[in-house]
Amino acid sequence: MANLFFPKKIIKKMKDLGISESDIYDVFYKGVEIEGKNGMYRKYNGYEIGFFYVVDDLTYELRLTAVWKRDRR
């Protein structure tokens, strides 16, 4: 399993949006990279989940910097 780091503010945002850690790992393994940016997303039936990240230089962890869940219209 990849080493993703979830800062406290991201965990709070995920709770507010109804996103679980397993949802984020699903996006990581099965989603699409956002070209030219450190981000990924995955489209589901009726909505999309995504995140942006930075790579920690010391641990090589992917540190999440933003998450979203939005309706697909």
PDB file of N, CA and C in Angstrom:
ATOM      1  N   MET A   1       0.844  -1.182   0.000  1.00  0.00           N
ATOM      2  CA  MET A   1       0.000   0.000   0.000  1.00  0.00           C
ATOM      3  C   MET A   1       0.889   1.246   0.000  1.00  0.00           C
ATOM      4  N   ALA A   2       0.523   2.209  -0.778  1.00  0.00           N
ATOM      5  CA  ALA A   2       1.276   3.459  -0.845  1.00  0.00           C
ATOM      6  C   ALA A   2       1.190   4.186   0.488  1.00  0.00           C
ATOM      7  N   ASN A   3       2.185   5.006   0.738  1.00  0.00           N
ATOM      8  CA  ASN A   3       2.221   5.729   2.000  1.00  0.00           C
ATOM      9  C   ASN A   3       1.662   7.136   1.790  1.00  0.00           C
ATOM     10  N   LEU A   4       0.388   7.290   2.070  1.00  0.00           N
ATOM     11  CA  LEU A   4      -0.267   8.589   1.998  1.00  0.00           C
ATOM     12  C   LEU A   4      -0.349   9.157   3.406  1.00  0.00           C
ATOM     13  N   PHE A   5      -0.112  10.459   3.531  1.00  0.00           N
ATOM     14  CA  PHE A   5      -0.197  11.119   4.829  1.00  0.00           C
ATOM     15  C   PHE A   5      -1.411  12.036   4.828  1.00  0.00           C
ATOM     16  N   PHE A   6      -2.244  11.903   5.866  1.00  0.00           N
ATOM     17  CA  PHE A   6      -3.480  12.663   5.997  1.00  0.00           C
ATOM     18  C   PHE A   6      -3.343  13.678   7.135  1.00  0.00           C
ATOM     19  N   PRO A   7      -3.010  14.932   6.842  1.00  0.00           N
ATOM     20  CA  PRO A   7      -2.948  15.940   7.903  1.00  0.00           C
ATOM     21  C   PRO A   7      -4.324  16.132   8.568  1.00  0.00           C
ATOM     22  N   LYS A   8      -4.314  16.678   9.763  1.00  0.00           N
ATOM     23  CA  LYS A   8      -5.560  16.850  10.521  1.00  0.00           C
ATOM     24  C   LYS A   8      -6.605  17.664   9.760  1.00  0.00           C
ATOM     25  N   LYS A   9      -6.178  18.734   9.077  1.00  0.00           N
ATOM     26  CA  LYS A   9      -7.162  19.557   8.361  1.00  0.00           C
ATOM     27  C   LYS A   9      -7.777  18.786   7.198  1.00  0.00           C
ATOM     28  N   ILE A  10      -7.027  17.866   6.602  1.00  0.00           N
ATOM     29  CA  ILE A  10      -7.557  17.047   5.512  1.00  0.00           C
ATOM     30  C   ILE A  10      -8.537  16.013   6.066  1.00  0.00           C
ATOM     31  N   ILE A  11      -8.217  15.430   7.208  1.00  0.00           N
ATOM     32  CA  ILE A  11      -9.131  14.463   7.835  1.00  0.00           C
ATOM     33  C   ILE A  11     -10.455  15.137   8.164  1.00  0.00           C
ATOM     34  N   LYS A  12     -10.403  16.360   8.681  1.00  0.00           N
ATOM     35  CA  LYS A  12     -11.630  17.100   8.988  1.00  0.00           C
ATOM     36  C   LYS A  12     -12.426  17.361   7.717  1.00  0.00           C
ATOM     37  N   LYS A  13     -11.756  17.794   6.654  1.00  0.00           N
ATOM     38  CA  LYS A  13     -12.428  18.063   5.380  1.00  0.00           C
ATOM     39  C   LYS A  13     -13.056  16.783   4.817  1.00  0.00           C
ATOM     40  N   MET A  14     -12.337  15.668   4.943  1.00  0.00           N
ATOM     41  CA  MET A  14     -12.869  14.388   4.466  1.00  0.00           C
ATOM     42  C   MET A  14     -14.139  14.016   5.227  1.00  0.00           C
ATOM     43  N   LYS A  15     -14.136  14.209   6.545  1.00  0.00           N
ATOM     44  CA  LYS A  15     -15.333  13.926   7.342  1.00  0.00           C
ATOM     45  C   LYS A  15     -16.496  14.796   6.895  1.00  0.00           C
ATOM     46  N   ASP A  16     -16.222  16.084   6.685  1.00  0.00           N
ATOM     47  CA  ASP A  16     -17.268  17.012   6.241  1.00  0.00           C
ATOM     48  C   ASP A  16     -17.868  16.601   4.904  1.00  0.00           C
ATOM     49  N   LEU A  17     -17.027  16.047   4.024  1.00  0.00           N
ATOM     50  CA  LEU A  17     -17.481  15.662   2.680  1.00  0.00           C
ATOM     51  C   LEU A  17     -17.989  14.221   2.599  1.00  0.00           C
ATOM     52  N   GLY A  18     -17.768  13.443   3.658  1.00  0.00           N
ATOM     53  CA  GLY A  18     -18.185  12.046   3.637  1.00  0.00           C
ATOM     54  C   GLY A  18     -17.242  11.152   2.843  1.00  0.00           C
ATOM     55  N   ILE A  19     -15.949  11.468   2.886  1.00  0.00           N
ATOM     56  CA  ILE A  19     -14.927  10.694   2.187  1.00  0.00           C
ATOM     57  C   ILE A  19     -14.129   9.902   3.216  1.00  0.00           C
ATOM     58  N   SER A  20     -13.886   8.627   2.939  1.00  0.00           N
ATOM     59  CA  SER A  20     -13.080   7.804   3.837  1.00  0.00           C
ATOM     60  C   SER A  20     -11.658   7.657   3.297  1.00  0.00           C
ATOM     61  N   GLU A  21     -10.758   7.167   4.151  1.00  0.00           N
ATOM     62  CA  GLU A  21      -9.392   6.905   3.689  1.00  0.00           C
ATOM     63  C   GLU A  21      -9.396   5.870   2.575  1.00  0.00           C
ATOM     64  N   SER A  22     -10.266   4.877   2.671  1.00  0.00           N
ATOM     65  CA  SER A  22     -10.321   3.862   1.614  1.00  0.00           C
ATOM     66  C   SER A  22     -10.784   4.471   0.288  1.00  0.00           C
ATOM     67  N   ASP A  23     -11.640   5.498   0.343  1.00  0.00           N
ATOM     68  CA  ASP A  23     -12.023   6.215  -0.888  1.00  0.00           C
ATOM     69  C   ASP A  23     -10.799   6.861  -1.528  1.00  0.00           C
ATOM     70  N   ILE A  24      -9.948   7.485  -0.701  1.00  0.00           N
ATOM     71  CA  ILE A  24      -8.757   8.152  -1.215  1.00  0.00           C
ATOM     72  C   ILE A  24      -7.781   7.132  -1.812  1.00  0.00           C
ATOM     73  N   TYR A  25      -7.610   5.983  -1.141  1.00  0.00           N
ATOM     74  CA  TYR A  25      -6.742   4.945  -1.689  1.00  0.00           C
ATOM     75  C   TYR A  25      -7.310   4.393  -3.000  1.00  0.00           C
ATOM     76  N   ASP A  26      -8.621   4.299  -3.107  1.00  0.00           N
ATOM     77  CA  ASP A  26      -9.251   3.858  -4.352  1.00  0.00           C
ATOM     78  C   ASP A  26      -8.917   4.831  -5.485  1.00  0.00           C
ATOM     79  N   VAL A  27      -9.006   6.130  -5.190  1.00  0.00           N
ATOM     80  CA  VAL A  27      -8.637   7.144  -6.182  1.00  0.00           C
ATOM     81  C   VAL A  27      -7.164   6.991  -6.544  1.00  0.00           C
ATOM     82  N   PHE A  28      -6.309   6.764  -5.537  1.00  0.00           N
ATOM     83  CA  PHE A  28      -4.877   6.649  -5.778  1.00  0.00           C
ATOM     84  C   PHE A  28      -4.558   5.475  -6.705  1.00  0.00           C
ATOM     85  N   TYR A  29      -5.183   4.329  -6.465  1.00  0.00           N
ATOM     86  CA  TYR A  29      -4.866   3.135  -7.246  1.00  0.00           C
ATOM     87  C   TYR A  29      -5.618   3.034  -8.571  1.00  0.00           C
ATOM     88  N   LYS A  30      -6.821   3.592  -8.650  1.00  0.00           N
ATOM     89  CA  LYS A  30      -7.642   3.403  -9.845  1.00  0.00           C
ATOM     90  C   LYS A  30      -7.996   4.697 -10.562  1.00  0.00           C
ATOM     91  N   GLY A  31      -7.569   5.827 -10.007  1.00  0.00           N
ATOM     92  CA  GLY A  31      -7.943   7.119 -10.569  1.00  0.00           C
ATOM     93  C   GLY A  31      -7.019   7.577 -11.687  1.00  0.00           C
ATOM     94  N   VAL A  32      -7.263   8.789 -12.116  1.00  0.00           N
ATOM     95  CA  VAL A  32      -6.535   9.413 -13.222  1.00  0.00           C
ATOM     96  C   VAL A  32      -5.683  10.542 -12.661  1.00  0.00           C
ATOM     97  N   GLU A  33      -4.416  10.602 -13.104  1.00  0.00           N
ATOM     98  CA  GLU A  33      -3.562  11.714 -12.689  1.00  0.00           C
ATOM     99  C   GLU A  33      -3.977  12.987 -13.397  1.00  0.00           C
ATOM    100  N   ILE A  34      -3.879  14.097 -12.699  1.00  0.00           N
ATOM    101  CA  ILE A  34      -4.139  15.399 -13.297  1.00  0.00           C
ATOM    102  C   ILE A  34      -2.833  15.860 -13.920  1.00  0.00           C
ATOM    103  N   GLU A  35      -2.814  15.939 -15.227  1.00  0.00           N
ATOM    104  CA  GLU A  35      -1.585  16.234 -15.956  1.00  0.00           C
ATOM    105  C   GLU A  35      -1.015  17.607 -15.572  1.00  0.00           C
ATOM    106  N   GLY A  36       0.274  17.625 -15.274  1.00  0.00           N
ATOM    107  CA  GLY A  36       0.951  18.869 -14.946  1.00  0.00           C
ATOM    108  C   GLY A  36       0.774  19.325 -13.510  1.00  0.00           C
ATOM    109  N   LYS A  37       0.038  18.564 -12.713  1.00  0.00           N
ATOM    110  CA  LYS A  37      -0.183  18.917 -11.302  1.00  0.00           C
ATOM    111  C   LYS A  37      -0.060  17.664 -10.468  1.00  0.00           C
ATOM    112  N   ASN A  38       0.209  17.834  -9.200  1.00  0.00           N
ATOM    113  CA  ASN A  38       0.266  16.693  -8.287  1.00  0.00           C
ATOM    114  C   ASN A  38      -1.141  16.428  -7.763  1.00  0.00           C
ATOM    115  N   GLY A  39      -1.936  15.756  -8.569  1.00  0.00           N
ATOM    116  CA  GLY A  39      -3.306  15.481  -8.173  1.00  0.00           C
ATOM    117  C   GLY A  39      -3.862  14.281  -8.902  1.00  0.00           C
ATOM    118  N   MET A  40      -4.922  13.735  -8.352  1.00  0.00           N
ATOM    119  CA  MET A  40      -5.612  12.594  -8.943  1.00  0.00           C
ATOM    120  C   MET A  40      -7.106  12.744  -8.696  1.00  0.00           C
ATOM    121  N   TYR A  41      -7.908  12.104  -9.539  1.00  0.00           N
ATOM    122  CA  TYR A  41      -9.348  12.076  -9.342  1.00  0.00           C
ATOM    123  C   TYR A  41      -9.904  10.785  -9.909  1.00  0.00           C
ATOM    124  N   ARG A  42     -11.111  10.463  -9.497  1.00  0.00           N
ATOM    125  CA  ARG A  42     -11.818   9.307 -10.046  1.00  0.00           C
ATOM    126  C   ARG A  42     -13.293   9.645 -10.120  1.00  0.00           C
ATOM    127  N   LYS A  43     -13.883   9.305 -11.257  1.00  0.00           N
ATOM    128  CA  LYS A  43     -15.308   9.537 -11.464  1.00  0.00           C
ATOM    129  C   LYS A  43     -16.077   8.288 -11.073  1.00  0.00           C
ATOM    130  N   TYR A  44     -17.114   8.505 -10.299  1.00  0.00           N
ATOM    131  CA  TYR A  44     -18.022   7.445  -9.891  1.00  0.00           C
ATOM    132  C   TYR A  44     -19.390   7.753 -10.491  1.00  0.00           C
ATOM    133  N   ASN A  45     -20.350   6.913 -10.229  1.00  0.00           N
ATOM    134  CA  ASN A  45     -21.696   7.120 -10.759  1.00  0.00           C
ATOM    135  C   ASN A  45     -22.354   8.301 -10.047  1.00  0.00           C
ATOM    136  N   GLY A  46     -22.294   9.483 -10.667  1.00  0.00           N
ATOM    137  CA  GLY A  46     -22.961  10.655 -10.116  1.00  0.00           C
ATOM    138  C   GLY A  46     -22.070  11.617  -9.349  1.00  0.00           C
ATOM    139  N   TYR A  47     -20.829  11.241  -9.073  1.00  0.00           N
ATOM    140  CA  TYR A  47     -19.942  12.149  -8.343  1.00  0.00           C
ATOM    141  C   TYR A  47     -18.486  11.849  -8.680  1.00  0.00           C
ATOM    142  N   GLU A  48     -17.609  12.722  -8.200  1.00  0.00           N
ATOM    143  CA  GLU A  48     -16.170  12.603  -8.432  1.00  0.00           C
ATOM    144  C   GLU A  48     -15.449  12.890  -7.127  1.00  0.00           C
ATOM    145  N   ILE A  49     -14.403  12.133  -6.848  1.00  0.00           N
ATOM    146  CA  ILE A  49     -13.548  12.361  -5.683  1.00  0.00           C
ATOM    147  C   ILE A  49     -12.133  12.590  -6.194  1.00  0.00           C
ATOM    148  N   GLY A  50     -11.437  13.564  -5.595  1.00  0.00           N
ATOM    149  CA  GLY A  50     -10.064  13.822  -6.004  1.00  0.00           C
ATOM    150  C   GLY A  50      -9.256  14.432  -4.882  1.00  0.00           C
ATOM    151  N   PHE A  51      -7.962  14.549  -5.130  1.00  0.00           N
ATOM    152  CA  PHE A  51      -7.067  15.158  -4.151  1.00  0.00           C
ATOM    153  C   PHE A  51      -5.833  15.717  -4.832  1.00  0.00           C
ATOM    154  N   PHE A  52      -5.210  16.683  -4.156  1.00  0.00           N
ATOM    155  CA  PHE A  52      -3.902  17.201  -4.524  1.00  0.00           C
ATOM    156  C   PHE A  52      -2.926  16.801  -3.432  1.00  0.00           C
ATOM    157  N   TYR A  53      -1.648  16.711  -3.788  1.00  0.00           N
ATOM    158  CA  TYR A  53      -0.643  16.278  -2.823  1.00  0.00           C
ATOM    159  C   TYR A  53       0.711  16.913  -3.133  1.00  0.00           C
ATOM    160  N   VAL A  54       1.599  16.849  -2.148  1.00  0.00           N
ATOM    161  CA  VAL A  54       3.014  17.156  -2.330  1.00  0.00           C
ATOM    162  C   VAL A  54       3.790  15.933  -1.849  1.00  0.00           C
ATOM    163  N   VAL A  55       4.979  15.729  -2.400  1.00  0.00           N
ATOM    164  CA  VAL A  55       5.811  14.602  -1.992  1.00  0.00           C
ATOM    165  C   VAL A  55       6.807  15.098  -0.951  1.00  0.00           C
ATOM    166  N   ASP A  56       6.814  14.463   0.218  1.00  0.00           N
ATOM    167  CA  ASP A  56       7.747  14.805   1.280  1.00  0.00           C
ATOM    168  C   ASP A  56       9.153  14.371   0.864  1.00  0.00           C
ATOM    169  N   ASP A  57      10.097  15.291   0.867  1.00  0.00           N
ATOM    170  CA  ASP A  57      11.469  15.007   0.417  1.00  0.00           C
ATOM    171  C   ASP A  57      12.200  13.995   1.293  1.00  0.00           C
ATOM    172  N   LEU A  58      11.869  13.925   2.563  1.00  0.00           N
ATOM    173  CA  LEU A  58      12.574  13.022   3.479  1.00  0.00           C
ATOM    174  C   LEU A  58      11.964  11.623   3.501  1.00  0.00           C
ATOM    175  N   THR A  59      10.643  11.540   3.555  1.00  0.00           N
ATOM    176  CA  THR A  59       9.981  10.241   3.710  1.00  0.00           C
ATOM    177  C   THR A  59       9.382   9.712   2.413  1.00  0.00           C
ATOM    178  N   TYR A  60       9.308  10.552   1.396  1.00  0.00           N
ATOM    179  CA  TYR A  60       8.681  10.226   0.108  1.00  0.00           C
ATOM    180  C   TYR A  60       7.194   9.887   0.242  1.00  0.00           C
ATOM    181  N   GLU A  61       6.592  10.298   1.352  1.00  0.00           N
ATOM    182  CA  GLU A  61       5.156  10.156   1.522  1.00  0.00           C
ATOM    183  C   GLU A  61       4.441  11.161   0.628  1.00  0.00           C
ATOM    184  N   LEU A  62       3.256  10.808   0.210  1.00  0.00           N
ATOM    185  CA  LEU A  62       2.396  11.763  -0.476  1.00  0.00           C
ATOM    186  C   LEU A  62       1.544  12.434   0.591  1.00  0.00           C
ATOM    187  N   ARG A  63       1.780  13.712   0.826  1.00  0.00           N
ATOM    188  CA  ARG A  63       1.063  14.481   1.846  1.00  0.00           C
ATOM    189  C   ARG A  63      -0.099  15.193   1.163  1.00  0.00           C
ATOM    190  N   LEU A  64      -1.305  14.826   1.538  1.00  0.00           N
ATOM    191  CA  LEU A  64      -2.476  15.419   0.910  1.00  0.00           C
ATOM    192  C   LEU A  64      -2.604  16.887   1.302  1.00  0.00           C
ATOM    193  N   THR A  65      -2.892  17.726   0.323  1.00  0.00           N
ATOM    194  CA  THR A  65      -3.038  19.158   0.570  1.00  0.00           C
ATOM    195  C   THR A  65      -4.459  19.645   0.328  1.00  0.00           C
ATOM    196  N   ALA A  66      -5.259  18.885  -0.411  1.00  0.00           N
ATOM    197  CA  ALA A  66      -6.652  19.247  -0.680  1.00  0.00           C
ATOM    198  C   ALA A  66      -7.402  17.993  -1.105  1.00  0.00           C
ATOM    199  N   VAL A  67      -8.677  17.924  -0.749  1.00  0.00           N
ATOM    200  CA  VAL A  67      -9.554  16.839  -1.206  1.00  0.00           C
ATOM    201  C   VAL A  67     -10.878  17.456  -1.659  1.00  0.00           C
ATOM    202  N   TRP A  68     -11.568  16.761  -2.544  1.00  0.00           N
ATOM    203  CA  TRP A  68     -12.890  17.223  -2.949  1.00  0.00           C
ATOM    204  C   TRP A  68     -13.788  16.067  -3.329  1.00  0.00           C
ATOM    205  N   LYS A  69     -15.061  16.335  -3.246  1.00  0.00           N
ATOM    206  CA  LYS A  69     -16.101  15.435  -3.706  1.00  0.00           C
ATOM    207  C   LYS A  69     -17.151  16.333  -4.322  1.00  0.00           C
ATOM    208  N   ARG A  70     -17.456  16.117  -5.599  1.00  0.00           N
ATOM    209  CA  ARG A  70     -18.436  16.971  -6.242  1.00  0.00           C
ATOM    210  C   ARG A  70     -19.326  16.156  -7.168  1.00  0.00           C
ATOM    211  N   ASP A  71     -20.511  16.694  -7.365  1.00  0.00           N
ATOM    212  CA  ASP A  71     -21.473  16.056  -8.266  1.00  0.00           C
ATOM    213  C   ASP A  71     -20.999  16.147  -9.700  1.00  0.00           C
ATOM    214  N   ARG A  72     -21.284  15.107 -10.445  1.00  0.00           N
ATOM    215  CA  ARG A  72     -21.035  15.136 -11.883  1.00  0.00           C
ATOM    216  C   ARG A  72     -22.344  15.460 -12.565  1.00  0.00           C
ATOM    217  N   ARG A  73     -22.371  16.539 -13.305  1.00  0.00           N
ATOM    218  CA  ARG A  73     -23.613  16.960 -13.971  1.00  0.00           C
ATOM    219  C   ARG A  73     -23.484  16.862 -15.439  1.00  0.00           C
TER     220      ARG A  73
END
